[in-house]
C-alpha atoms as a PDB file:
ATOM      1  CA  MET A   1      43.720 -28.350 -43.819  1.00  0.00           C
ATOM      2  CA  ASN A   2      42.046 -30.195 -46.831  1.00  0.00           C
ATOM      3  CA  ARG A   3      38.605 -29.369 -48.515  1.00  0.00           C
ATOM      4  CA  ALA A   4      36.694 -32.592 -46.760  1.00  0.00           C
ATOM      5  CA  SER A   5      38.008 -31.321 -43.500  1.00  0.00           C
ATOM      6  CA  ARG A   6      36.924 -27.602 -44.012  1.00  0.00           C
ATOM      7  CA  ARG A   7      33.744 -29.176 -45.251  1.00  0.00           C
ATOM      8  CA  ALA A   8      33.453 -30.947 -42.100  1.00  0.00           C
ATOM      9  CA  SER A   9      34.417 -28.354 -40.181  1.00  0.00           C
ATOM     10  CA  ALA A  10      31.793 -26.084 -41.776  1.00  0.00           C
ATOM     11  CA  LEU A  11      29.124 -28.401 -41.136  1.00  0.00           C
ATOM     12  CA  SER A  12      30.010 -29.168 -37.667  1.00  0.00           C
ATOM     13  CA  VAL A  13      29.819 -25.278 -36.882  1.00  0.00           C
ATOM     14  CA  LEU A  14      26.519 -25.123 -38.524  1.00  0.00           C
ATOM     15  CA  ALA A  15      24.980 -28.116 -36.674  1.00  0.00           C
ATOM     16  CA  ILE A  16      26.068 -26.425 -33.240  1.00  0.00           C
ATOM     17  CA  ALA A  17      24.381 -23.245 -34.439  1.00  0.00           C
ATOM     18  CA  LEU A  18      20.996 -25.030 -35.357  1.00  0.00           C
ATOM     19  CA  LEU A  19      21.282 -26.768 -32.195  1.00  0.00           C
ATOM     20  CA  ALA A  20      21.814 -23.540 -29.951  1.00  0.00           C
ATOM     21  CA  LEU A  21      18.724 -21.856 -32.011  1.00  0.00           C
ATOM     22  CA  SER A  22      16.499 -24.573 -31.318  1.00  0.00           C
ATOM     23  CA  CYS A  23      17.257 -24.929 -27.689  1.00  0.00           C
ATOM     24  CA  SER A  24      16.850 -21.081 -27.163  1.00  0.00           C
ATOM     25  CA  ARG A  25      13.605 -19.746 -25.700  1.00  0.00           C
ATOM     26  CA  PRO A  26      11.253 -17.666 -27.536  1.00  0.00           C
ATOM     27  CA  ALA A  27      10.689 -14.171 -26.345  1.00  0.00           C
ATOM     28  CA  PRO A  28       8.060 -13.752 -23.884  1.00  0.00           C
ATOM     29  CA  ARG A  29       4.706 -12.976 -24.953  1.00  0.00           C
ATOM     30  CA  ALA A  30       3.630  -9.595 -23.670  1.00  0.00           C
ATOM     31  CA  LEU A  31       0.656 -10.157 -20.805  1.00  0.00           C
ATOM     32  CA  VAL A  32      -0.993  -6.721 -21.744  1.00  0.00           C
ATOM     33  CA  PRO A  33      -2.272  -6.253 -25.641  1.00  0.00           C
ATOM     34  CA  ALA A  34      -1.053  -3.533 -27.017  1.00  0.00           C
ATOM     35  CA  ASP A  35      -4.521  -2.449 -28.323  1.00  0.00           C
ATOM     36  CA  TYR A  36      -6.237  -2.060 -24.757  1.00  0.00           C
ATOM     37  CA  ALA A  37      -6.755   1.730 -24.632  1.00  0.00           C
ATOM     38  CA  SER A  38      -9.343   1.166 -27.507  1.00  0.00           C
ATOM     39  CA  TRP A  39     -11.464  -1.223 -24.986  1.00  0.00           C
ATOM     40  CA  GLU A  40     -14.345  -0.301 -22.685  1.00  0.00           C
ATOM     41  CA  ARG A  41     -13.857   2.081 -19.954  1.00  0.00           C
ATOM     42  CA  PRO A  42     -16.037   0.569 -16.704  1.00  0.00           C
ATOM     43  CA  THR A  43     -15.618   4.268 -15.176  1.00  0.00           C
ATOM     44  CA  GLU A  44     -16.195   7.680 -17.367  1.00  0.00           C
ATOM     45  CA  ARG A  45     -14.208   9.236 -14.712  1.00  0.00           C
ATOM     46  CA  ASP A  46     -10.172   9.001 -14.180  1.00  0.00           C
ATOM     47  CA  LEU A  47      -9.533   8.003 -10.426  1.00  0.00           C
ATOM     48  CA  ASP A  48      -7.837  11.402  -9.543  1.00  0.00           C
ATOM     49  CA  TYR A  49      -7.860  10.736  -5.326  1.00  0.00           C
ATOM     50  CA  PRO A  50      -5.277   8.927  -3.553  1.00  0.00           C
ATOM     51  CA  VAL A  51      -5.813   5.142  -3.064  1.00  0.00           C
ATOM     52  CA  PRO A  52      -3.639   2.629  -0.733  1.00  0.00           C
ATOM     53  CA  GLY A  53      -1.099   0.566  -2.725  1.00  0.00           C
ATOM     54  CA  HIS A  54      -1.388   3.447  -6.014  1.00  0.00           C
ATOM     55  CA  GLU A  55      -0.299   6.435  -4.027  1.00  0.00           C
ATOM     56  CA  ASP A  56      -1.093   9.815  -5.380  1.00  0.00           C
ATOM     57  CA  HIS A  57      -1.281   8.723  -8.743  1.00  0.00           C
ATOM     58  CA  ARG A  58      -4.259   9.239 -11.268  1.00  0.00           C
ATOM     59  CA  ARG A  59      -5.450   5.821 -13.016  1.00  0.00           C
ATOM     60  CA  ARG A  60      -7.779   5.262 -15.798  1.00  0.00           C
ATOM     61  CA  ILE A  61      -9.008   2.405 -16.451  1.00  0.00           C
ATOM     62  CA  TYR A  62      -9.720  -0.271 -18.914  1.00  0.00           C
ATOM     63  CA  LEU A  63     -11.836  -3.254 -19.501  1.00  0.00           C
ATOM     64  CA  ASN A  64     -11.761  -5.791 -22.190  1.00  0.00           C
ATOM     65  CA  GLN A  65     -14.605  -7.656 -24.192  1.00  0.00           C
ATOM     66  CA  SER A  66     -14.573 -10.446 -22.147  1.00  0.00           C
ATOM     67  CA  GLY A  67     -15.144  -8.375 -19.015  1.00  0.00           C
ATOM     68  CA  GLU A  68     -18.120  -7.153 -20.291  1.00  0.00           C
ATOM     69  CA  ASP A  69     -19.313 -10.617 -20.182  1.00  0.00           C
ATOM     70  CA  VAL A  70     -19.412 -10.316 -16.219  1.00  0.00           C
ATOM     71  CA  ARG A  71     -21.848 -12.681 -14.862  1.00  0.00           C
ATOM     72  CA  ILE A  72     -24.206 -11.034 -12.076  1.00  0.00           C
ATOM     73  CA  THR A  73     -25.890 -13.548  -9.980  1.00  0.00           C
ATOM     74  CA  GLU A  74     -27.059 -14.131  -6.076  1.00  0.00           C
ATOM     75  CA  ARG A  75     -25.937 -16.594  -3.582  1.00  0.00           C
ATOM     76  CA  GLN A  76     -27.396 -16.827  -0.393  1.00  0.00           C
ATOM     77  CA  GLY A  77     -28.985 -13.004  -0.488  1.00  0.00           C
ATOM     78  CA  ARG A  78     -25.463 -11.865  -1.801  1.00  0.00           C
ATOM     79  CA  VAL A  79     -24.901 -10.477  -5.183  1.00  0.00           C
ATOM     80  CA  VAL A  80     -21.840 -11.903  -6.603  1.00  0.00           C
ATOM     81  CA  HIS A  81     -19.990 -10.777  -9.612  1.00  0.00           C
ATOM     82  CA  GLU A  82     -18.150 -13.257 -11.782  1.00  0.00           C
ATOM     83  CA  TYR A  83     -15.716 -12.252 -14.362  1.00  0.00           C
ATOM     84  CA  PRO A  84     -14.822 -14.690 -16.966  1.00  0.00           C
ATOM     85  CA  GLU A  85     -11.499 -16.446 -17.905  1.00  0.00           C
ATOM     86  CA  GLY A  86      -9.714 -14.125 -19.729  1.00  0.00           C
ATOM     87  CA  THR A  87     -11.045 -10.724 -18.600  1.00  0.00           C
ATOM     88  CA  VAL A  88      -8.200  -8.225 -18.667  1.00  0.00           C
ATOM     89  CA  ILE A  89      -8.548  -4.568 -16.417  1.00  0.00           C
ATOM     90  CA  VAL A  90      -5.750  -2.495 -17.192  1.00  0.00           C
ATOM     91  CA  LYS A  91      -5.030   0.735 -15.096  1.00  0.00           C
ATOM     92  CA  GLU A  92      -3.085   3.552 -16.504  1.00  0.00           C
ATOM     93  CA  VAL A  93      -1.217   5.048 -13.568  1.00  0.00           C
ATOM     94  CA  TYR A  94       0.009   8.740 -14.084  1.00  0.00           C
ATOM     95  CA  ALA A  95       2.670  10.856 -12.090  1.00  0.00           C
ATOM     96  CA  GLY A  96       0.205  12.983 -10.308  1.00  0.00           C
ATOM     97  CA  LEU A  97      -3.234  13.357  -9.456  1.00  0.00           C
ATOM     98  CA  GLN A  98      -3.762  16.391 -11.872  1.00  0.00           C
ATOM     99  CA  PHE A  99      -4.793  15.914 -15.444  1.00  0.00           C
ATOM    100  CA  ARG A 100      -1.714  17.080 -17.808  1.00  0.00           C
ATOM    101  CA  GLN A 101      -1.911  17.580 -21.316  1.00  0.00           C
ATOM    102  CA  GLY A 102      -0.286  15.245 -23.781  1.00  0.00           C
ATOM    103  CA  GLU A 103       1.195  13.101 -20.459  1.00  0.00           C
ATOM    104  CA  ALA A 104       1.678   9.468 -20.980  1.00  0.00           C
ATOM    105  CA  PRO A 105       1.494   7.113 -18.246  1.00  0.00           C
ATOM    106  CA  PHE A 106       4.412   5.815 -16.477  1.00  0.00           C
ATOM    107  CA  GLN A 107       3.088   2.459 -15.481  1.00  0.00           C
ATOM    108  CA  LEU A 108       0.211  -0.219 -16.060  1.00  0.00           C
ATOM    109  CA  THR A 109      -1.041  -2.249 -13.213  1.00  0.00           C
ATOM    110  CA  VAL A 110      -2.983  -5.164 -14.892  1.00  0.00           C
ATOM    111  CA  MET A 111      -5.769  -7.764 -13.303  1.00  0.00           C
ATOM    112  CA  ILE A 112      -5.765 -10.683 -15.716  1.00  0.00           C
ATOM    113  CA  LYS A 113      -8.503 -13.555 -15.123  1.00  0.00           C
ATOM    114  CA  LYS A 114      -6.469 -16.913 -15.029  1.00  0.00           C
ATOM    115  CA  PRO A 115      -7.534 -18.859 -12.509  1.00  0.00           C
ATOM    116  CA  LYS A 116      -5.638 -22.043 -13.547  1.00  0.00           C
ATOM    117  CA  ASP A 117      -2.436 -20.287 -13.340  1.00  0.00           C
ATOM    118  CA  PRO A 118      -0.203 -21.178 -10.595  1.00  0.00           C
ATOM    119  CA  LEU A 119       0.505 -17.766 -10.064  1.00  0.00           C
ATOM    120  CA  ALA A 120      -3.052 -16.548  -9.869  1.00  0.00           C
ATOM    121  CA  ARG A 121      -4.273 -14.984  -6.519  1.00  0.00           C
ATOM    122  CA  GLY A 122      -8.267 -14.896  -6.286  1.00  0.00           C
ATOM    123  CA  GLY A 123      -8.411 -16.437 -10.020  1.00  0.00           C
ATOM    124  CA  TRP A 124      -6.189 -13.082 -11.155  1.00  0.00           C
ATOM    125  CA  LEU A 125      -2.707 -12.605 -12.212  1.00  0.00           C
ATOM    126  CA  TRP A 126      -1.725  -9.012 -10.805  1.00  0.00           C
ATOM    127  CA  VAL A 127       0.747  -7.677 -13.435  1.00  0.00           C
ATOM    128  CA  VAL A 128       3.070  -4.337 -13.430  1.00  0.00           C
ATOM    129  CA  ARG A 129       4.355  -3.079 -16.485  1.00  0.00           C
ATOM    130  CA  ASP A 130       7.019  -0.467 -16.440  1.00  0.00           C
ATOM    131  CA  MET A 131       6.361   1.710 -19.234  1.00  0.00           C
ATOM    132  CA  ALA A 132      10.025   2.955 -19.798  1.00  0.00           C
ATOM    133  CA  SER A 133      11.412  -0.317 -19.930  1.00  0.00           C
ATOM    134  CA  GLY A 134       8.289  -2.284 -21.279  1.00  0.00           C
ATOM    135  CA  GLN A 135       9.079  -4.971 -18.489  1.00  0.00           C
ATOM    136  CA  GLU A 136       6.124  -6.892 -17.109  1.00  0.00           C
ATOM    137  CA  THR A 137       6.251  -8.446 -13.637  1.00  0.00           C
ATOM    138  CA  VAL A 138       3.865 -10.657 -12.564  1.00  0.00           C
ATOM    139  CA  ILE A 139       3.459  -9.871  -8.732  1.00  0.00           C
ATOM    140  CA  ASP A 140       3.655 -13.710  -7.202  1.00  0.00           C
ATOM    141  CA  TYR A 141       3.188 -12.449  -3.598  1.00  0.00           C
ATOM    142  CA  GLU A 142       0.006 -11.280  -1.788  1.00  0.00           C
ATOM    143  CA  PHE A 143       0.144  -7.542  -1.699  1.00  0.00           C
ATOM    144  CA  CYS A 144      -2.303  -6.689  -4.591  1.00  0.00           C
ATOM    145  CA  PHE A 145      -4.700  -9.548  -3.734  1.00  0.00           C
ATOM    146  CA  ASP A 146      -4.999  -8.882  -0.058  1.00  0.00           C
ATOM    147  CA  CYS A 147      -5.903  -5.001  -0.873  1.00  0.00           C
ATOM    148  CA  HIS A 148      -8.162  -6.206  -3.796  1.00  0.00           C
ATOM    149  CA  ALA A 149      -9.888  -8.507  -1.243  1.00  0.00           C
ATOM    150  CA  ASN A 150     -11.459  -5.249   0.582  1.00  0.00           C
ATOM    151  CA  ALA A 151     -13.519  -4.479  -2.884  1.00  0.00           C
ATOM    152  CA  ASN A 152     -15.719  -7.775  -1.815  1.00  0.00           C
ATOM    153  CA  GLU A 153     -17.062  -5.622   1.031  1.00  0.00           C
ATOM    154  CA  PRO A 154     -17.665  -2.114   2.084  1.00  0.00           C
ATOM    155  CA  HIS A 155     -14.985   0.038   1.411  1.00  0.00           C
ATOM    156  CA  PRO A 156     -13.898   3.809   1.164  1.00  0.00           C
ATOM    157  CA  TYR A 157     -13.505   3.668  -2.447  1.00  0.00           C
ATOM    158  CA  GLY A 158     -15.489   4.385  -5.519  1.00  0.00           C
ATOM    159  CA  ASP A 159     -19.251   3.560  -4.938  1.00  0.00           C
ATOM    160  CA  LYS A 160     -17.862   2.360  -1.780  1.00  0.00           C
ATOM    161  CA  ASN A 161     -19.897  -1.129  -2.123  1.00  0.00           C
ATOM    162  CA  PRO A 162     -22.337  -0.231   0.432  1.00  0.00           C
ATOM    163  CA  ARG A 163     -24.419  -3.825  -0.010  1.00  0.00           C
ATOM    164  CA  SER A 164     -21.179  -6.084   0.530  1.00  0.00           C
ATOM    165  CA  GLU A 165     -21.168  -7.597  -3.107  1.00  0.00           C
ATOM    166  CA  PHE A 166     -19.033 -10.254  -4.078  1.00  0.00           C
ATOM    167  CA  ARG A 167     -17.149  -8.423  -6.813  1.00  0.00           C
ATOM    168  CA  ASP A 168     -14.476 -10.524  -7.809  1.00  0.00           C
ATOM    169  CA  TYR A 169     -11.784  -8.385  -6.468  1.00  0.00           C
ATOM    170  CA  VAL A 170     -12.775  -5.198  -8.668  1.00  0.00           C
ATOM    171  CA  PHE A 171     -13.122  -1.743  -6.771  1.00  0.00           C
ATOM    172  CA  LEU A 172     -15.191  -0.483  -9.654  1.00  0.00           C
ATOM    173  CA  PRO A 173     -16.991  -3.460 -11.658  1.00  0.00           C
ATOM    174  CA  TYR A 174     -18.511  -3.229 -14.963  1.00  0.00           C
ATOM    175  CA  ARG A 175     -22.216  -2.157 -15.321  1.00  0.00           C
ATOM    176  CA  LYS A 176     -24.014  -3.131 -18.359  1.00  0.00           C
END
């Protein structure tokens, strides 16, 4: 192989490599921000009681700054909570109901207010992050949404929503 042929071959290989790189997809961006544990906690107390859908796991809730701007209005005599687009609510999920010193969550369940996203249910993306693998899964079926619809009427959890407020699918709404 002469020098010109080697150069042409090398350029061909380089061109193919560059083409392959330009066609590759960037790594997906994490939906859950790394700094979530520095956010406001809408309830001081961990949820240390069983809840359907979350089983017998303790949960600790965090709310990003956008969520602190929840708008509370009244419509036709009913209190309505509306979280702004960009609100993120993170629930750390722990292995049992009891607190154990140094324990890390095994899972995050997350609500992200993105009403225009085609995977959103009730205006929210419902996400689960497995902490061992770091994998995030958007729940694109009705399970989370159907359960959280109960937050908009009286229910047996937290403060029980006795006045049947529309809480935008959030069981423990942020109180300013």
